[in-house]
N, C-alpha and C. Protein backbone atom coordinates (compact mmCIF):
# COMPACT_ATOMS: atom_id res chain seq x y z
N ALA A 1 0.83 -1.19 0.00
CA ALA A 1 0.00 0.00 0.00
C ALA A 1 0.87 1.26 0.00
N VAL A 2 1.95 1.23 0.76
CA VAL A 2 2.83 2.40 0.83
C VAL A 2 3.50 2.63 -0.52
N ALA A 3 4.02 1.57 -1.13
CA ALA A 3 4.68 1.71 -2.43
C ALA A 3 3.71 2.24 -3.49
N ALA A 4 2.49 1.75 -3.50
CA ALA A 4 1.50 2.20 -4.48
C ALA A 4 1.11 3.66 -4.23
N THR A 5 0.97 4.04 -2.99
CA THR A 5 0.63 5.42 -2.65
C THR A 5 1.74 6.37 -3.07
N VAL A 6 2.98 5.98 -2.81
CA VAL A 6 4.12 6.81 -3.22
C VAL A 6 4.17 6.92 -4.73
N GLN A 7 4.01 5.81 -5.43
CA GLN A 7 4.04 5.85 -6.89
C GLN A 7 2.90 6.69 -7.46
N ALA A 8 1.74 6.64 -6.83
CA ALA A 8 0.61 7.47 -7.29
C ALA A 8 0.94 8.95 -7.14
N GLY A 9 1.69 9.29 -6.09
CA GLY A 9 2.08 10.68 -5.89
C GLY A 9 3.17 11.14 -6.85
N LEU A 10 3.98 10.20 -7.31
CA LEU A 10 5.09 10.55 -8.19
C LEU A 10 4.73 10.46 -9.68
N ASN A 11 3.69 9.75 -10.02
CA ASN A 11 3.34 9.51 -11.41
C ASN A 11 2.25 10.48 -11.87
N PRO A 12 2.58 11.44 -12.73
CA PRO A 12 1.59 12.42 -13.19
C PRO A 12 0.38 11.77 -13.86
N ALA A 13 0.54 10.58 -14.45
CA ALA A 13 -0.57 9.90 -15.10
C ALA A 13 -1.62 9.43 -14.08
N ALA A 14 -1.25 9.38 -12.82
CA ALA A 14 -2.18 8.95 -11.78
C ALA A 14 -3.07 10.09 -11.29
N ASP A 15 -2.74 11.33 -11.64
CA ASP A 15 -3.53 12.48 -11.19
C ASP A 15 -4.99 12.32 -11.61
N GLY A 16 -5.88 12.46 -10.66
CA GLY A 16 -7.31 12.38 -10.92
C GLY A 16 -7.85 10.97 -11.10
N GLN A 17 -6.99 9.97 -10.98
CA GLN A 17 -7.42 8.58 -11.17
C GLN A 17 -7.89 7.97 -9.85
N ALA A 18 -8.88 7.12 -9.94
CA ALA A 18 -9.28 6.28 -8.81
C ALA A 18 -8.53 4.96 -8.97
N ILE A 19 -7.71 4.63 -7.99
CA ILE A 19 -6.85 3.45 -8.10
C ILE A 19 -7.06 2.58 -6.86
N ASN A 20 -7.51 1.35 -7.09
CA ASN A 20 -7.63 0.40 -5.98
C ASN A 20 -6.24 -0.09 -5.62
N ILE A 21 -5.94 -0.02 -4.34
CA ILE A 21 -4.64 -0.46 -3.86
C ILE A 21 -4.86 -1.61 -2.89
N GLY A 22 -4.22 -2.74 -3.19
CA GLY A 22 -4.35 -3.89 -2.31
C GLY A 22 -4.36 -5.18 -3.10
N VAL A 23 -4.76 -6.24 -2.43
CA VAL A 23 -4.84 -7.55 -3.07
C VAL A 23 -6.14 -7.64 -3.86
N ASP A 24 -6.14 -8.45 -4.90
CA ASP A 24 -7.33 -8.57 -5.73
C ASP A 24 -8.12 -9.83 -5.39
N VAL A 25 -8.26 -10.09 -4.11
CA VAL A 25 -8.98 -11.25 -3.63
C VAL A 25 -10.28 -10.77 -2.97
N GLU A 26 -11.39 -11.26 -3.49
CA GLU A 26 -12.68 -10.90 -2.89
C GLU A 26 -12.74 -11.45 -1.47
N THR A 27 -13.09 -10.58 -0.52
CA THR A 27 -13.18 -10.98 0.87
C THR A 27 -14.45 -10.38 1.45
N SER A 28 -15.30 -11.20 2.01
CA SER A 28 -16.54 -10.68 2.61
C SER A 28 -16.21 -10.02 3.95
N VAL A 29 -17.13 -9.20 4.41
CA VAL A 29 -16.96 -8.57 5.71
C VAL A 29 -16.88 -9.64 6.79
N LEU A 30 -17.68 -10.69 6.66
CA LEU A 30 -17.65 -11.79 7.63
C LEU A 30 -16.29 -12.48 7.62
N GLU A 31 -15.75 -12.74 6.44
CA GLU A 31 -14.43 -13.38 6.35
C GLU A 31 -13.36 -12.51 6.99
N PHE A 32 -13.44 -11.19 6.75
CA PHE A 32 -12.44 -10.29 7.32
C PHE A 32 -12.59 -10.19 8.84
N ALA A 33 -13.82 -10.13 9.31
CA ALA A 33 -14.04 -10.08 10.76
C ALA A 33 -13.52 -11.35 11.43
N THR A 34 -13.76 -12.48 10.80
CA THR A 34 -13.27 -13.76 11.33
C THR A 34 -11.74 -13.78 11.33
N LEU A 35 -11.14 -13.28 10.27
CA LEU A 35 -9.68 -13.19 10.19
C LEU A 35 -9.13 -12.33 11.32
N MET A 36 -9.75 -11.19 11.55
CA MET A 36 -9.27 -10.29 12.62
C MET A 36 -9.37 -10.95 13.99
N LEU A 37 -10.47 -11.65 14.25
CA LEU A 37 -10.60 -12.34 15.54
C LEU A 37 -9.56 -13.44 15.66
N ASP A 38 -9.30 -14.15 14.58
CA ASP A 38 -8.29 -15.21 14.58
C ASP A 38 -6.91 -14.64 14.88
N LEU A 39 -6.57 -13.53 14.23
CA LEU A 39 -5.25 -12.93 14.42
C LEU A 39 -5.11 -12.26 15.78
N TYR A 40 -6.20 -11.75 16.30
CA TYR A 40 -6.15 -11.04 17.58
C TYR A 40 -5.75 -11.97 18.71
N GLY A 41 -6.18 -13.21 18.62
CA GLY A 41 -5.87 -14.16 19.68
C GLY A 41 -7.05 -14.33 20.61
N PRO A 42 -6.82 -14.98 21.73
CA PRO A 42 -7.93 -15.24 22.65
C PRO A 42 -8.66 -13.95 23.02
N THR A 43 -9.97 -13.97 22.84
CA THR A 43 -10.79 -12.80 23.14
C THR A 43 -12.21 -13.24 23.42
N THR A 44 -12.94 -12.44 24.13
CA THR A 44 -14.36 -12.71 24.34
C THR A 44 -15.22 -12.02 23.28
N SER A 45 -14.58 -11.29 22.38
CA SER A 45 -15.32 -10.61 21.32
C SER A 45 -16.02 -11.61 20.42
N LYS A 46 -17.20 -11.24 19.99
CA LYS A 46 -18.00 -12.09 19.10
C LYS A 46 -18.44 -11.25 17.91
N ILE A 47 -18.70 -11.92 16.81
CA ILE A 47 -19.23 -11.26 15.63
C ILE A 47 -20.73 -11.13 15.83
N LYS A 48 -21.23 -9.91 15.65
CA LYS A 48 -22.66 -9.65 15.82
C LYS A 48 -23.22 -9.25 14.47
N PHE A 49 -24.26 -9.94 14.04
CA PHE A 49 -24.91 -9.62 12.78
C PHE A 49 -25.99 -8.58 13.02
N VAL A 50 -25.89 -7.48 12.27
CA VAL A 50 -26.84 -6.38 12.39
C VAL A 50 -27.35 -6.08 10.99
N SER A 51 -28.65 -5.90 10.87
CA SER A 51 -29.21 -5.64 9.54
C SER A 51 -28.79 -4.25 9.06
N GLN A 52 -28.68 -4.14 7.75
CA GLN A 52 -28.33 -2.85 7.13
C GLN A 52 -29.36 -1.78 7.51
N GLU A 53 -30.63 -2.16 7.53
CA GLU A 53 -31.69 -1.22 7.87
C GLU A 53 -31.56 -0.70 9.30
N GLU A 54 -31.12 -1.58 10.20
CA GLU A 54 -30.95 -1.19 11.61
C GLU A 54 -29.89 -0.10 11.75
N VAL A 55 -28.88 -0.15 10.91
CA VAL A 55 -27.79 0.81 11.00
C VAL A 55 -28.08 2.07 10.18
N TYR A 56 -28.56 1.89 8.94
CA TYR A 56 -28.69 3.00 8.00
C TYR A 56 -30.11 3.44 7.72
N GLY A 57 -31.10 2.69 8.17
CA GLY A 57 -32.48 3.01 7.84
C GLY A 57 -32.87 2.33 6.53
N ASN A 58 -34.09 2.59 6.09
CA ASN A 58 -34.63 1.90 4.92
C ASN A 58 -34.22 2.51 3.60
N SER A 59 -33.70 3.73 3.60
CA SER A 59 -33.42 4.40 2.33
C SER A 59 -32.01 4.14 1.78
N TYR A 60 -31.17 3.49 2.54
CA TYR A 60 -29.78 3.26 2.12
C TYR A 60 -29.70 2.00 1.27
N GLU A 61 -28.99 2.07 0.16
CA GLU A 61 -28.74 0.90 -0.68
C GLU A 61 -27.25 0.71 -0.85
N ASP A 62 -26.83 -0.52 -0.84
CA ASP A 62 -25.41 -0.84 -1.02
C ASP A 62 -25.30 -2.03 -1.95
N ILE A 63 -24.17 -2.14 -2.63
CA ILE A 63 -23.98 -3.30 -3.48
C ILE A 63 -23.63 -4.51 -2.61
N PRO A 64 -24.13 -5.69 -2.97
CA PRO A 64 -23.93 -6.84 -2.09
C PRO A 64 -22.52 -7.40 -2.07
N ARG A 65 -21.74 -7.15 -3.12
CA ARG A 65 -20.37 -7.64 -3.10
C ARG A 65 -19.47 -6.69 -3.88
N ARG A 66 -18.23 -6.70 -3.48
CA ARG A 66 -17.21 -5.89 -4.15
C ARG A 66 -16.03 -6.79 -4.46
N VAL A 67 -15.57 -6.73 -5.68
CA VAL A 67 -14.38 -7.46 -6.07
C VAL A 67 -13.37 -6.42 -6.54
N PRO A 68 -12.32 -6.20 -5.76
CA PRO A 68 -11.37 -5.15 -6.12
C PRO A 68 -10.66 -5.45 -7.44
N ASP A 69 -10.52 -4.42 -8.24
CA ASP A 69 -9.77 -4.52 -9.50
C ASP A 69 -8.55 -3.63 -9.35
N ASN A 70 -7.41 -4.23 -9.13
CA ASN A 70 -6.20 -3.43 -8.93
C ASN A 70 -5.35 -3.35 -10.19
N THR A 71 -5.99 -3.44 -11.36
CA THR A 71 -5.28 -3.36 -12.64
C THR A 71 -4.49 -2.06 -12.74
N LYS A 72 -5.10 -0.94 -12.36
CA LYS A 72 -4.40 0.35 -12.44
C LYS A 72 -3.18 0.38 -11.52
N MET A 73 -3.30 -0.24 -10.37
CA MET A 73 -2.16 -0.28 -9.45
C MET A 73 -0.99 -0.98 -10.13
N ARG A 74 -1.29 -2.10 -10.79
CA ARG A 74 -0.24 -2.87 -11.45
C ARG A 74 0.27 -2.19 -12.72
N GLN A 75 -0.64 -1.76 -13.59
CA GLN A 75 -0.23 -1.25 -14.90
C GLN A 75 0.21 0.22 -14.86
N LEU A 76 -0.54 1.06 -14.18
CA LEU A 76 -0.22 2.48 -14.15
C LEU A 76 0.92 2.80 -13.19
N LEU A 77 0.88 2.14 -12.03
CA LEU A 77 1.89 2.44 -11.00
C LEU A 77 3.05 1.45 -11.00
N GLY A 78 2.87 0.31 -11.65
CA GLY A 78 3.94 -0.69 -11.69
C GLY A 78 4.17 -1.36 -10.35
N VAL A 79 3.10 -1.50 -9.56
CA VAL A 79 3.22 -2.06 -8.22
C VAL A 79 2.39 -3.34 -8.14
N GLU A 80 2.96 -4.37 -7.56
CA GLU A 80 2.27 -5.63 -7.30
C GLU A 80 2.12 -5.80 -5.79
N ALA A 81 0.99 -6.35 -5.37
CA ALA A 81 0.82 -6.66 -3.96
C ALA A 81 1.82 -7.75 -3.57
N LYS A 82 2.59 -7.52 -2.52
CA LYS A 82 3.60 -8.48 -2.09
C LYS A 82 3.24 -9.13 -0.76
N VAL A 83 2.21 -8.62 -0.13
CA VAL A 83 1.80 -9.11 1.18
C VAL A 83 0.34 -9.54 1.09
N SER A 84 0.04 -10.71 1.59
CA SER A 84 -1.35 -11.20 1.57
C SER A 84 -2.20 -10.38 2.53
N LEU A 85 -3.51 -10.49 2.36
CA LEU A 85 -4.43 -9.80 3.27
C LEU A 85 -4.19 -10.25 4.70
N ARG A 86 -4.00 -11.53 4.90
CA ARG A 86 -3.77 -12.06 6.25
C ARG A 86 -2.49 -11.48 6.86
N GLU A 87 -1.40 -11.50 6.09
CA GLU A 87 -0.13 -11.01 6.62
C GLU A 87 -0.18 -9.49 6.82
N GLY A 88 -0.77 -8.78 5.90
CA GLY A 88 -0.88 -7.33 6.05
C GLY A 88 -1.72 -6.95 7.25
N THR A 89 -2.80 -7.68 7.48
CA THR A 89 -3.64 -7.42 8.65
C THR A 89 -2.89 -7.74 9.92
N ARG A 90 -2.15 -8.84 9.91
CA ARG A 90 -1.35 -9.21 11.09
C ARG A 90 -0.32 -8.15 11.42
N LEU A 91 0.38 -7.68 10.39
CA LEU A 91 1.39 -6.64 10.60
C LEU A 91 0.76 -5.34 11.10
N SER A 92 -0.38 -4.98 10.55
CA SER A 92 -1.07 -3.77 10.99
C SER A 92 -1.51 -3.89 12.44
N MET A 93 -2.07 -5.03 12.80
CA MET A 93 -2.50 -5.22 14.19
C MET A 93 -1.30 -5.17 15.14
N GLU A 94 -0.19 -5.75 14.73
CA GLU A 94 1.02 -5.72 15.54
C GLU A 94 1.49 -4.27 15.74
N TRP A 95 1.46 -3.47 14.67
CA TRP A 95 1.88 -2.07 14.77
C TRP A 95 0.97 -1.30 15.72
N PHE A 96 -0.35 -1.49 15.59
CA PHE A 96 -1.29 -0.78 16.47
C PHE A 96 -1.13 -1.20 17.92
N ARG A 97 -0.84 -2.47 18.14
CA ARG A 97 -0.61 -2.93 19.54
C ARG A 97 0.62 -2.21 20.13
N LYS A 98 1.69 -2.12 19.35
CA LYS A 98 2.89 -1.44 19.85
C LYS A 98 2.62 0.03 20.09
N GLU A 99 1.90 0.67 19.20
CA GLU A 99 1.57 2.09 19.35
C GLU A 99 0.72 2.33 20.60
N ALA A 100 -0.20 1.42 20.86
CA ALA A 100 -1.08 1.57 22.02
C ALA A 100 -0.30 1.46 23.33
N GLN A 101 0.81 0.75 23.31
CA GLN A 101 1.62 0.56 24.51
C GLN A 101 2.58 1.73 24.75
N SER A 102 2.80 2.56 23.74
CA SER A 102 3.76 3.64 23.93
C SER A 102 3.11 4.93 24.33
């Protein structure tokens, strides 16, 4: 993510472009929440299912799935994802834990 962000800032062709940065693996919110609980370690936290209407009301609409297309990241910026979602999440959680302790 850092390399792609830096390249987007340095590459004039990226100006005004919407560029997905990350892995191109479809991951549901449930899969990601489960991953975070797994990486966090022993916890009493549980995944709670809440309806979209309960949070946003009846007038909000969202697409049911998103599949990231990072073609621009690869072709325009010349950057490939080198860290999996699991490893990147683990590293991020580790960084936040250290920051919270300082």
